[in-house]
Amino acid sequence: MQKLKRIINFLFFKHLLKTIIVSVIVSCILVISFLFFTKPEEVVLSNTIEITNYSRDLTEILKDGKLTVLVENSSVSFFVYKGRKMGFEYELLKEFANDLGVELEVKIINDLDQVIDLLNSGEGDILACNYTITKERSKHIDFSIPFHRTNQVLIQRAQNELDDSKENNHLFLRDVSQLAGKQIHVREQSSFNQRLSHLQEEIGDTIYVIKESGKVAVEEMIEMVSEGVIDYTVSDANLAKINTRFYKNINVDLSLSIKQKIAFGLRKSSPALKARLDHWLEKYKHRAAFKYIKHKYFNLKPISSGVNKNYSSLKGGKISIYDDYFKEASSKTGWEWKLLASLCFQESRFNPEVVSFGGAYSMMQFMPEIGPLYGVFIDSPPKDQIMGGAFKLAKDFKSWSEIPDETQRKKFTIATYNSGKSHILDAQRLAKKYGLDPYVWDDNVEKMILNLSKREFYKDPVVKSGVAKGSITYNYVREIFQRYEMWSSLYD
């Protein structure tokens, strides 16, 4: 009997062992099949795709030889000026990329409401959009050490001293308490919206906040204030200060907050990159190069202010003390000397020593990489400066050979001198698309250069070079020709 039991137990455990082995083999096959044939991003939880932080840190950046930066198209973050890539944050990160020994790639953000998601999904390595450090944002991303501090200010149209109307006095605000009952346009997912919410509590009254989407940039709203489309918006003071150079009729003096910290955003999964960037910033902030970049963007005064009056005197029947140089340049290039003088006055107020925003120098405001092509250097005498500008205009004039009317062709040329040809070509393509004459500047292409600051136009597929401060070029051409016509009637 005992022998029979042992035989039965043996057979039972043998069967059990066999079952276990088969189960293990089947499980292994299933796991292997899952690993080989299932893509991780296709794992669905509650009918949604699971989103996790993208894993890429300093090691991968150094290996790839490329640092990708997500930027806002703005005067602080990144923009193109006379064909040159610029921006306070761009220049800082360009220096950082050089220190790492890698290439800097720029990706422009089209919707500021998506910046954190874009960063965390791996679209870029660093976020640079004049970003204020807040507790809410710090829950989702890390920040570098601050490299700038700025307060929030109200953007409104400047008061006209000659206008004492009740309407004007009602619109111009001098105190935060006067925000009560006013409509202020800001981006909904912005620190400005949060601040206005707090201000309502502080002043004990209602502020009517018109909430815009992330597709409407702060500088678009600043331009809307300048044009009278809206009455008020809010901006960081550093960005607002730069825009007073472009829009002479805005006031940015009313502060709405204490100074806040501005920093670069990084993924929480990039601790080594953050540590390296923090270490670099800590050292770089004490260098002369950093102080110069900061001064260039936030402290340089517009050319029109502080200019030596001797350079713009119209006494004695002369436009300037350089009239003979303009006439000589005219004889060599075919451009009318008074038109050359008018453009020169627009650029520098006849000041041969001025260095302006973006590093442009000389009376004719050459960018450092362009001036030498026309024999103009930072220390060139006034005659060479004027001659170089005239030859550049002559060259640009030839590039518009398809424009039949000479006066219109000169306006295309002068617009090109201001903003670069790529933006003018964009305006041409838009003019053609909307039924305007692409070969006529007045009331045709100039209308579309104005629209290049509006998202619905600069995001059009025919536009290749993106957003532009079209009102600057629009007014630039008009003012130069109006002054030229006046001088033509006054001076020989």
Protein backbone atom coordinates (compact mmCIF):
# COMPACT_ATOMS: atom_id res chain seq x y z
CA MET A 1 0.00 0.00 0.00
CA GLN A 2 2.81 2.41 0.94
CA LYS A 3 4.49 1.62 -2.34
CA LEU A 4 1.28 2.54 -4.22
CA LYS A 5 1.03 5.88 -2.39
CA ARG A 6 4.60 6.73 -3.27
CA ILE A 7 3.89 5.97 -6.93
CA ILE A 8 0.75 8.18 -6.90
CA ASN A 9 2.58 11.09 -5.19
CA PHE A 10 5.43 10.82 -7.63
CA LEU A 11 3.06 10.96 -10.60
CA PHE A 12 1.16 13.93 -9.08
CA PHE A 13 4.27 16.06 -8.44
CA LYS A 14 5.60 15.13 -11.88
CA HIS A 15 2.38 16.45 -13.44
CA LEU A 16 2.47 19.56 -11.25
CA LEU A 17 6.08 20.28 -12.19
CA LYS A 18 5.24 19.82 -15.83
CA THR A 19 2.34 22.29 -15.52
CA ILE A 20 4.52 24.88 -13.82
CA ILE A 21 7.21 24.58 -16.51
CA VAL A 22 4.63 24.99 -19.29
CA SER A 23 3.11 28.02 -17.55
CA VAL A 24 6.51 29.68 -17.20
CA ILE A 25 7.31 29.05 -20.88
CA VAL A 26 3.95 30.51 -21.99
CA SER A 27 4.43 33.56 -19.76
CA CYS A 28 7.89 34.17 -21.21
CA ILE A 29 6.53 33.96 -24.73
CA LEU A 30 3.81 36.51 -23.89
CA VAL A 31 6.31 38.93 -22.31
CA ILE A 32 8.69 38.64 -25.26
CA SER A 33 5.82 39.19 -27.71
CA PHE A 34 4.74 42.30 -25.79
CA LEU A 35 8.23 43.75 -25.76
CA PHE A 36 8.85 43.15 -29.45
CA PHE A 37 5.47 44.03 -30.93
CA THR A 38 3.99 46.70 -28.64
CA LYS A 39 5.13 50.37 -28.84
CA PRO A 40 5.36 52.13 -25.46
CA GLU A 41 3.54 55.25 -26.70
CA GLU A 42 0.56 53.15 -27.63
CA VAL A 43 -0.12 52.11 -24.04
CA VAL A 44 -3.49 53.65 -23.24
CA LEU A 45 -4.83 54.39 -19.78
CA SER A 46 -8.44 55.52 -19.42
CA ASN A 47 -8.65 56.12 -23.17
CA THR A 48 -5.75 58.64 -23.04
CA ILE A 49 -2.13 58.41 -24.06
CA GLU A 50 0.17 58.36 -21.08
CA ILE A 51 2.52 61.38 -21.16
CA THR A 52 5.83 61.17 -19.35
CA ASN A 53 8.81 63.52 -19.22
CA TYR A 54 11.20 63.16 -22.11
CA SER A 55 14.59 61.88 -20.98
CA ARG A 56 17.46 63.94 -22.42
CA ASP A 57 20.18 65.55 -20.37
CA LEU A 58 23.62 67.10 -20.78
CA THR A 59 25.28 63.85 -21.87
CA GLU A 60 22.91 63.46 -24.84
CA ILE A 61 23.27 67.15 -25.77
CA LEU A 62 27.06 66.93 -25.84
CA LYS A 63 26.87 63.69 -27.82
CA ASP A 64 24.48 65.19 -30.41
CA GLY A 65 26.45 68.44 -30.58
CA LYS A 66 23.23 70.48 -30.47
CA LEU A 67 21.35 72.49 -27.83
CA THR A 68 17.73 73.16 -28.81
CA VAL A 69 16.04 76.23 -27.34
CA LEU A 70 12.33 77.04 -27.35
CA VAL A 71 11.92 80.80 -27.80
CA GLU A 72 9.20 83.40 -28.11
CA ASN A 73 9.40 85.72 -31.11
CA SER A 74 9.89 88.91 -29.09
CA SER A 75 12.37 91.71 -28.49
CA VAL A 76 13.65 90.04 -25.30
CA SER A 77 13.64 86.38 -26.35
CA PHE A 78 14.47 86.14 -30.09
CA PHE A 79 13.94 88.16 -33.26
CA VAL A 80 15.61 89.02 -36.56
CA TYR A 81 16.83 92.61 -37.06
CA LYS A 82 18.24 93.66 -40.44
CA GLY A 83 18.90 90.00 -41.21
CA ARG A 84 20.66 89.36 -37.88
CA LYS A 85 19.46 86.94 -35.17
CA MET A 86 19.05 88.85 -31.94
CA GLY A 87 17.39 88.84 -28.51
CA PHE A 88 18.70 89.21 -24.97
CA GLU A 89 17.99 85.58 -24.07
CA TYR A 90 19.16 84.32 -27.46
CA GLU A 91 22.53 86.03 -27.05
CA LEU A 92 22.98 84.58 -23.55
CA LEU A 93 22.23 81.04 -24.71
CA LYS A 94 24.42 81.48 -27.78
CA GLU A 95 27.31 82.15 -25.41
CA PHE A 96 26.33 79.14 -23.28
CA ALA A 97 26.22 76.88 -26.36
CA ASN A 98 29.67 78.14 -27.34
CA ASP A 99 30.91 77.28 -23.86
CA LEU A 100 29.51 73.76 -24.26
CA GLY A 101 31.02 73.47 -27.72
CA VAL A 102 27.67 72.69 -29.37
CA GLU A 103 25.44 74.23 -32.04
CA LEU A 104 22.46 76.34 -30.91
CA GLU A 105 19.16 75.47 -32.58
CA VAL A 106 16.19 77.82 -32.17
CA LYS A 107 12.55 76.75 -32.31
CA ILE A 108 9.93 79.49 -32.19
CA ILE A 109 6.89 78.82 -29.99
CA ASN A 110 3.59 79.64 -31.68
CA ASP A 111 1.34 79.12 -28.64
CA LEU A 112 2.68 80.25 -25.27
CA ASP A 113 0.04 78.21 -23.46
CA GLN A 114 1.87 75.06 -24.58
CA VAL A 115 5.42 75.97 -23.60
CA ILE A 116 5.70 73.64 -20.59
CA ASP A 117 4.23 70.67 -22.47
CA LEU A 118 6.54 71.32 -25.42
CA LEU A 119 9.56 71.40 -23.13
CA ASN A 120 8.60 68.25 -21.23
CA SER A 121 7.81 66.34 -24.42
CA GLY A 122 11.33 66.93 -25.77
CA GLU A 123 10.70 69.64 -28.39
CA GLY A 124 13.55 71.59 -26.85
CA ASP A 125 16.13 71.46 -24.07
CA ILE A 126 15.71 74.95 -22.61
CA LEU A 127 12.74 77.32 -22.50
CA ALA A 128 13.60 80.99 -23.13
CA CYS A 129 10.58 83.29 -23.32
CA ASN A 130 11.10 85.97 -20.66
CA TYR A 131 9.61 83.48 -18.21
CA THR A 132 8.81 84.56 -14.66
CA ILE A 133 9.46 82.05 -11.87
CA THR A 134 6.18 81.16 -10.13
CA LYS A 135 5.19 78.46 -7.64
CA GLU A 136 2.69 76.95 -10.09
CA ARG A 137 5.20 76.71 -12.94
CA SER A 138 7.82 75.24 -10.60
CA LYS A 139 5.54 72.25 -10.03
CA HIS A 140 6.01 71.22 -13.67
CA ILE A 141 9.50 72.39 -14.63
CA ASP A 142 12.79 73.47 -13.07
CA PHE A 143 14.26 76.95 -13.44
CA SER A 144 17.83 78.11 -13.82
CA ILE A 145 19.16 80.68 -11.40
CA PRO A 146 17.63 84.09 -12.27
CA PHE A 147 19.55 86.21 -14.77
CA HIS A 148 17.23 89.22 -14.69
CA ARG A 149 14.60 90.86 -12.50
CA THR A 150 11.75 92.97 -13.75
CA ASN A 151 8.36 94.25 -12.64
CA GLN A 152 5.03 94.25 -14.43
CA VAL A 153 3.84 97.54 -15.94
CA LEU A 154 0.69 98.87 -17.55
CA ILE A 155 0.91 99.60 -21.27
CA GLN A 156 -1.24 102.59 -22.25
CA ARG A 157 -1.13 105.36 -24.80
CA ALA A 158 0.92 108.34 -23.68
CA GLN A 159 -0.99 111.41 -22.65
CA ASN A 160 -1.06 114.16 -25.25
CA GLU A 161 -0.15 117.35 -23.44
CA LEU A 162 -2.13 119.34 -26.01
CA ASP A 163 -5.27 117.29 -25.41
CA ASP A 164 -7.14 118.27 -22.26
CA SER A 165 -10.33 116.44 -23.21
CA LYS A 166 -12.22 114.53 -20.56
CA GLU A 167 -11.89 111.33 -22.60
CA ASN A 168 -8.12 111.57 -22.70
CA ASN A 169 -7.89 112.31 -18.97
CA HIS A 170 -10.21 109.40 -18.26
CA LEU A 171 -8.11 106.93 -20.25
CA PHE A 172 -4.65 107.88 -18.96
CA LEU A 173 -3.97 106.23 -15.61
CA ARG A 174 -1.51 107.48 -13.02
CA ASP A 175 -2.40 105.24 -10.08
CA VAL A 176 -3.19 101.53 -9.67
CA SER A 177 -6.54 102.37 -8.05
CA GLN A 178 -7.68 103.85 -11.38
CA LEU A 179 -7.67 100.34 -12.90
CA ALA A 180 -11.13 99.87 -11.41
CA GLY A 181 -13.71 99.46 -14.15
CA LYS A 182 -11.13 99.36 -16.96
CA GLN A 183 -10.77 96.64 -19.61
CA ILE A 184 -7.27 95.16 -19.75
CA HIS A 185 -6.20 92.57 -22.32
CA VAL A 186 -3.73 89.89 -21.17
CA ARG A 187 -2.98 86.28 -21.97
CA GLU A 188 -5.12 84.00 -19.80
CA GLN A 189 -2.30 81.63 -18.80
CA SER A 190 0.13 84.37 -17.79
CA SER A 191 1.53 85.85 -14.62
CA PHE A 192 -0.15 89.12 -15.70
CA ASN A 193 -3.58 87.56 -15.35
CA GLN A 194 -2.69 86.30 -11.88
CA ARG A 195 -1.43 89.74 -10.86
CA LEU A 196 -4.59 91.50 -12.05
CA SER A 197 -6.65 89.02 -10.03
CA HIS A 198 -4.68 89.96 -6.91
CA LEU A 199 -4.96 93.68 -7.72
CA GLN A 200 -8.75 93.41 -7.76
CA GLU A 201 -8.61 92.26 -4.15
CA GLU A 202 -6.12 94.99 -3.24
CA ILE A 203 -8.14 97.88 -4.71
CA GLY A 204 -11.49 96.37 -3.70
CA ASP A 205 -13.07 96.84 -7.09
CA THR A 206 -13.55 95.07 -10.43
CA ILE A 207 -10.98 95.06 -13.20
CA TYR A 208 -12.45 93.71 -16.43
CA VAL A 209 -9.78 91.32 -17.68
CA ILE A 210 -10.14 90.35 -21.33
CA LYS A 211 -8.37 86.99 -21.53
CA GLU A 212 -6.48 86.24 -24.72
CA SER A 213 -5.15 82.87 -25.88
CA GLY A 214 -1.50 81.90 -25.92
CA LYS A 215 -1.42 82.62 -29.64
CA VAL A 216 -1.56 86.37 -28.99
CA ALA A 217 1.90 87.60 -28.00
CA VAL A 218 2.47 90.47 -25.57
CA GLU A 219 4.09 92.58 -28.29
CA GLU A 220 1.03 92.12 -30.50
CA MET A 221 -1.07 93.59 -27.71
CA ILE A 222 1.42 96.43 -27.21
CA GLU A 223 1.03 97.30 -30.89
CA MET A 224 -2.76 97.12 -30.50
CA VAL A 225 -2.51 99.69 -27.70
CA SER A 226 -0.32 101.92 -29.87
CA GLU A 227 -2.82 101.71 -32.74
CA GLY A 228 -5.82 102.41 -30.48
CA VAL A 229 -7.39 98.98 -31.01
CA ILE A 230 -7.33 98.36 -27.24
CA ASP A 231 -6.65 100.76 -24.37
CA TYR A 232 -4.52 98.70 -21.98
CA THR A 233 -2.38 95.61 -21.65
CA VAL A 234 0.32 94.44 -19.22
CA SER A 235 3.95 93.61 -19.93
CA ASP A 236 7.15 92.93 -18.10
CA ALA A 237 9.03 96.22 -17.82
CA ASN A 238 12.11 94.91 -19.66
CA LEU A 239 10.05 94.08 -22.77
CA ALA A 240 8.01 97.27 -22.44
CA LYS A 241 11.13 99.41 -22.32
CA ILE A 242 12.44 98.00 -25.60
CA ASN A 243 9.09 98.62 -27.28
CA THR A 244 9.13 102.33 -26.42
CA ARG A 245 11.82 102.53 -29.14
CA PHE A 246 9.35 101.25 -31.72
CA TYR A 247 6.10 102.83 -30.53
CA LYS A 248 6.61 106.47 -29.54
CA ASN A 249 3.04 106.94 -28.30
CA ILE A 250 2.98 104.33 -25.52
CA ASN A 251 3.52 104.95 -21.82
CA VAL A 252 5.01 102.25 -19.56
CA ASP A 253 5.52 104.19 -16.31
CA LEU A 254 2.76 102.70 -14.13
CA SER A 255 4.17 99.75 -12.17
CA LEU A 256 1.80 96.94 -11.14
CA SER A 257 4.11 94.66 -9.15
CA ILE A 258 7.35 94.26 -7.31
CA LYS A 259 10.34 93.00 -9.28
CA GLN A 260 10.07 89.32 -10.20
CA LYS A 261 12.71 86.79 -11.18
CA ILE A 262 13.24 85.87 -14.84
CA ALA A 263 14.99 82.56 -15.62
CA PHE A 264 15.32 79.79 -18.19
CA GLY A 265 13.02 76.77 -17.92
CA LEU A 266 14.33 73.18 -17.93
CA ARG A 267 12.86 69.70 -17.62
CA LYS A 268 13.01 68.15 -14.17
CA SER A 269 14.61 65.18 -15.93
CA SER A 270 17.63 67.32 -16.94
CA PRO A 271 19.46 67.93 -13.63
CA ALA A 272 22.95 67.84 -15.17
CA LEU A 273 22.01 70.48 -17.77
CA LYS A 274 20.52 72.68 -15.07
CA ALA A 275 23.63 72.33 -12.90
CA ARG A 276 25.92 73.22 -15.83
CA LEU A 277 23.75 76.18 -16.89
CA ASP A 278 23.53 77.50 -13.31
CA HIS A 279 27.30 77.26 -12.89
CA TRP A 280 27.88 79.06 -16.20
CA LEU A 281 25.31 81.80 -15.47
CA GLU A 282 26.77 82.43 -12.01
CA LYS A 283 30.15 83.18 -13.57
CA TYR A 284 28.93 84.88 -16.75
CA LYS A 285 26.71 87.41 -14.90
CA HIS A 286 29.86 89.03 -13.50
CA ARG A 287 31.59 89.41 -16.86
CA ALA A 288 31.73 92.58 -18.93
CA ALA A 289 30.16 90.74 -21.88
CA PHE A 290 26.97 90.11 -19.89
CA LYS A 291 26.78 93.72 -18.75
CA TYR A 292 27.20 94.90 -22.34
CA ILE A 293 24.43 92.63 -23.66
CA LYS A 294 22.10 93.77 -20.89
CA HIS A 295 22.94 97.42 -21.54
CA LYS A 296 22.38 97.03 -25.28
CA TYR A 297 18.84 95.75 -24.86
CA PHE A 298 17.59 97.59 -21.79
CA ASN A 299 19.59 100.79 -21.37
CA LEU A 300 20.48 102.20 -24.79
CA LYS A 301 18.38 105.28 -25.53
CA PRO A 302 16.65 105.75 -28.90
CA ILE A 303 18.74 107.60 -31.47
CA SER A 304 16.27 110.48 -31.52
CA SER A 305 17.06 111.41 -27.91
CA GLY A 306 20.27 112.96 -26.71
CA VAL A 307 21.62 113.70 -30.21
CA ASN A 308 24.01 116.60 -30.60
CA LYS A 309 21.94 119.47 -32.00
CA ASN A 310 24.75 120.51 -34.32
CA TYR A 311 24.14 117.36 -36.36
CA SER A 312 20.52 118.21 -37.11
CA SER A 313 20.68 121.97 -37.57
CA LEU A 314 18.90 123.33 -40.64
CA LYS A 315 20.30 126.84 -40.35
CA GLY A 316 22.06 128.67 -43.14
CA GLY A 317 20.09 127.19 -46.02
CA LYS A 318 21.62 123.76 -45.57
CA ILE A 319 20.11 120.42 -44.59
CA SER A 320 23.27 119.35 -42.75
CA ILE A 321 26.99 120.00 -42.50
CA TYR A 322 27.42 116.95 -44.74
CA ASP A 323 25.45 118.19 -47.76
CA ASP A 324 28.53 118.09 -50.04
CA TYR A 325 29.10 114.42 -49.16
CA PHE A 326 25.48 113.58 -49.98
CA LYS A 327 25.79 115.38 -53.32
CA GLU A 328 28.99 113.50 -54.18
CA ALA A 329 27.35 110.18 -53.27
CA SER A 330 24.40 111.16 -55.46
CA SER A 331 26.65 111.78 -58.47
CA LYS A 332 28.18 108.30 -58.10
CA THR A 333 25.02 106.30 -57.45
CA GLY A 334 22.20 108.22 -59.10
CA TRP A 335 20.22 108.58 -55.86
CA GLU A 336 18.91 112.09 -55.21
CA TRP A 337 21.03 113.66 -52.49
CA LYS A 338 18.09 115.00 -50.47
CA LEU A 339 16.55 111.52 -50.40
CA LEU A 340 19.88 110.12 -49.16
CA ALA A 341 19.99 112.84 -46.52
CA SER A 342 16.44 112.12 -45.42
CA LEU A 343 17.22 108.42 -44.94
CA CYS A 344 20.40 109.30 -43.06
CA PHE A 345 18.47 111.65 -40.77
CA GLN A 346 15.92 108.87 -40.12
CA GLU A 347 18.69 106.44 -39.21
CA SER A 348 21.00 108.59 -37.07
CA ARG A 349 19.97 112.26 -37.00
CA PHE A 350 23.26 112.92 -38.82
CA ASN A 351 25.33 111.61 -35.90
CA PRO A 352 28.43 109.79 -37.29
CA GLU A 353 29.36 108.29 -33.90
CA VAL A 354 26.05 106.70 -32.90
CA VAL A 355 25.83 103.00 -32.06
CA SER A 356 22.24 101.92 -31.78
CA PHE A 357 20.07 98.99 -30.79
CA GLY A 358 21.41 95.79 -32.30
CA GLY A 359 24.94 97.13 -32.65
CA ALA A 360 24.26 99.11 -35.85
CA TYR A 361 26.80 101.91 -36.29
CA SER A 362 27.57 105.01 -38.37
CA MET A 363 25.28 107.66 -39.80
CA MET A 364 23.77 105.06 -42.14
CA GLN A 365 23.39 102.41 -39.39
CA PHE A 366 25.27 99.44 -40.78
CA MET A 367 25.19 96.10 -39.00
CA PRO A 368 28.73 94.89 -38.11
CA GLU A 369 28.69 92.10 -40.70
CA ILE A 370 27.35 94.35 -43.51
CA GLY A 371 29.31 97.60 -43.11
CA PRO A 372 32.72 96.22 -44.20
CA LEU A 373 31.15 95.00 -47.46
CA TYR A 374 30.65 98.67 -48.34
CA GLY A 375 33.88 99.96 -46.85
CA VAL A 376 32.26 101.23 -43.65
CA PHE A 377 33.79 100.42 -40.27
CA ILE A 378 33.11 101.61 -36.75
CA ASP A 379 35.75 104.35 -37.08
CA SER A 380 35.12 105.34 -40.71
CA PRO A 381 34.85 109.10 -41.40
CA PRO A 382 31.43 110.63 -42.26
CA LYS A 383 32.19 110.77 -46.00
CA ASP A 384 32.84 107.02 -46.16
CA GLN A 385 29.74 106.31 -44.06
CA ILE A 386 27.50 108.25 -46.44
CA MET A 387 29.13 106.79 -49.54
CA GLY A 388 28.76 103.25 -48.21
CA GLY A 389 25.07 103.78 -47.48
CA ALA A 390 24.49 105.19 -50.95
CA PHE A 391 26.17 102.20 -52.61
CA LYS A 392 24.09 99.78 -50.54
CA LEU A 393 20.90 101.56 -51.62
CA ALA A 394 22.05 101.41 -55.25
CA LYS A 395 22.63 97.66 -54.95
CA ASP A 396 19.24 97.07 -53.31
CA PHE A 397 17.61 99.21 -56.01
CA LYS A 398 18.99 96.89 -58.71
CA SER A 399 17.57 93.87 -56.86
CA TRP A 400 14.05 95.26 -57.41
CA SER A 401 14.36 95.47 -61.19
CA GLU A 402 10.86 93.94 -61.64
CA ILE A 403 9.23 97.09 -60.16
CA PRO A 404 8.38 99.25 -63.23
CA ASP A 405 7.79 102.64 -61.58
CA GLU A 406 11.01 104.28 -60.35
CA THR A 407 9.46 106.02 -57.33
CA GLN A 408 7.74 102.82 -56.19
CA ARG A 409 10.98 100.94 -56.73
CA LYS A 410 12.78 103.39 -54.45
CA LYS A 411 10.17 102.82 -51.77
CA PHE A 412 10.70 99.05 -52.00
CA THR A 413 14.44 99.74 -51.72
CA ILE A 414 14.11 101.95 -48.65
CA ALA A 415 11.79 99.40 -47.00
CA THR A 416 14.44 96.75 -47.67
CA TYR A 417 17.10 98.96 -46.08
CA ASN A 418 15.00 99.03 -42.92
CA SER A 419 13.74 95.47 -42.51
CA GLY A 420 15.62 93.27 -44.98
CA LYS A 421 14.34 91.91 -48.27
CA SER A 422 12.80 88.70 -46.95
CA HIS A 423 10.01 90.52 -45.08
CA ILE A 424 9.25 92.70 -48.11
CA LEU A 425 8.96 89.57 -50.28
CA ASP A 426 6.51 88.16 -47.72
CA ALA A 427 4.44 91.35 -47.94
CA GLN A 428 4.53 91.08 -51.75
CA ARG A 429 3.20 87.51 -51.64
CA LEU A 430 0.44 88.53 -49.24
CA ALA A 431 -0.50 91.46 -51.48
CA LYS A 432 -0.85 89.13 -54.46
CA LYS A 433 -2.91 86.66 -52.44
CA TYR A 434 -5.34 89.35 -51.25
CA GLY A 435 -5.82 90.96 -54.64
CA LEU A 436 -3.45 93.90 -54.28
CA ASP A 437 -0.71 94.94 -56.71
CA PRO A 438 2.57 93.31 -55.57
CA TYR A 439 4.59 95.81 -57.66
CA VAL A 440 3.17 98.96 -56.04
CA TRP A 441 4.21 100.01 -52.55
CA ASP A 442 1.68 102.77 -51.84
CA ASP A 443 -1.65 101.42 -50.54
CA ASN A 444 -0.75 97.92 -51.71
CA VAL A 445 2.38 96.17 -50.41
CA GLU A 446 2.67 98.69 -47.55
CA LYS A 447 -0.72 97.47 -46.27
CA MET A 448 0.63 93.94 -46.05
CA ILE A 449 3.87 94.98 -44.38
CA LEU A 450 1.62 96.42 -41.67
CA ASN A 451 -0.15 93.07 -41.34
CA LEU A 452 3.05 91.08 -40.79
CA SER A 453 2.75 91.76 -37.07
CA LYS A 454 -0.66 90.04 -36.96
CA ARG A 455 -0.77 86.28 -36.40
CA GLU A 456 -3.44 85.56 -39.03
CA PHE A 457 -1.06 86.99 -41.66
CA TYR A 458 2.45 86.01 -40.50
CA LYS A 459 1.28 82.42 -40.03
CA ASP A 460 -0.01 82.33 -43.62
CA PRO A 461 1.77 79.63 -45.69
CA VAL A 462 3.00 82.23 -48.21
CA VAL A 463 4.96 83.97 -45.45
CA LYS A 464 8.47 82.52 -45.21
CA SER A 465 10.22 84.78 -42.69
CA GLY A 466 7.64 85.02 -39.92
CA VAL A 467 6.57 87.97 -37.82
CA ALA A 468 7.87 91.49 -38.44
CA LYS A 469 7.25 94.86 -36.83
CA GLY A 470 5.53 96.05 -39.97
CA SER A 471 4.41 99.40 -38.57
CA ILE A 472 8.06 100.38 -38.13
CA THR A 473 8.85 99.83 -41.82
CA TYR A 474 5.53 101.37 -42.90
CA ASN A 475 6.25 104.60 -41.00
CA TYR A 476 9.95 104.53 -41.93
CA VAL A 477 9.22 104.75 -45.67
CA ARG A 478 6.49 107.36 -45.27
CA GLU A 479 8.52 109.63 -42.99
CA ILE A 480 11.59 109.53 -45.22
CA PHE A 481 9.60 110.49 -48.33
CA GLN A 482 7.58 113.18 -46.54
CA ARG A 483 10.80 114.78 -45.26
CA TYR A 484 12.40 114.43 -48.70
CA GLU A 485 9.47 116.21 -50.35
CA MET A 486 9.63 119.02 -47.79
CA TRP A 487 13.39 119.43 -48.21
CA SER A 488 13.04 119.36 -52.00
CA SER A 489 10.82 122.44 -51.82
CA LEU A 490 13.13 124.26 -49.41
CA TYR A 491 16.69 123.49 -50.49
CA ASP A 492 18.59 123.42 -53.77
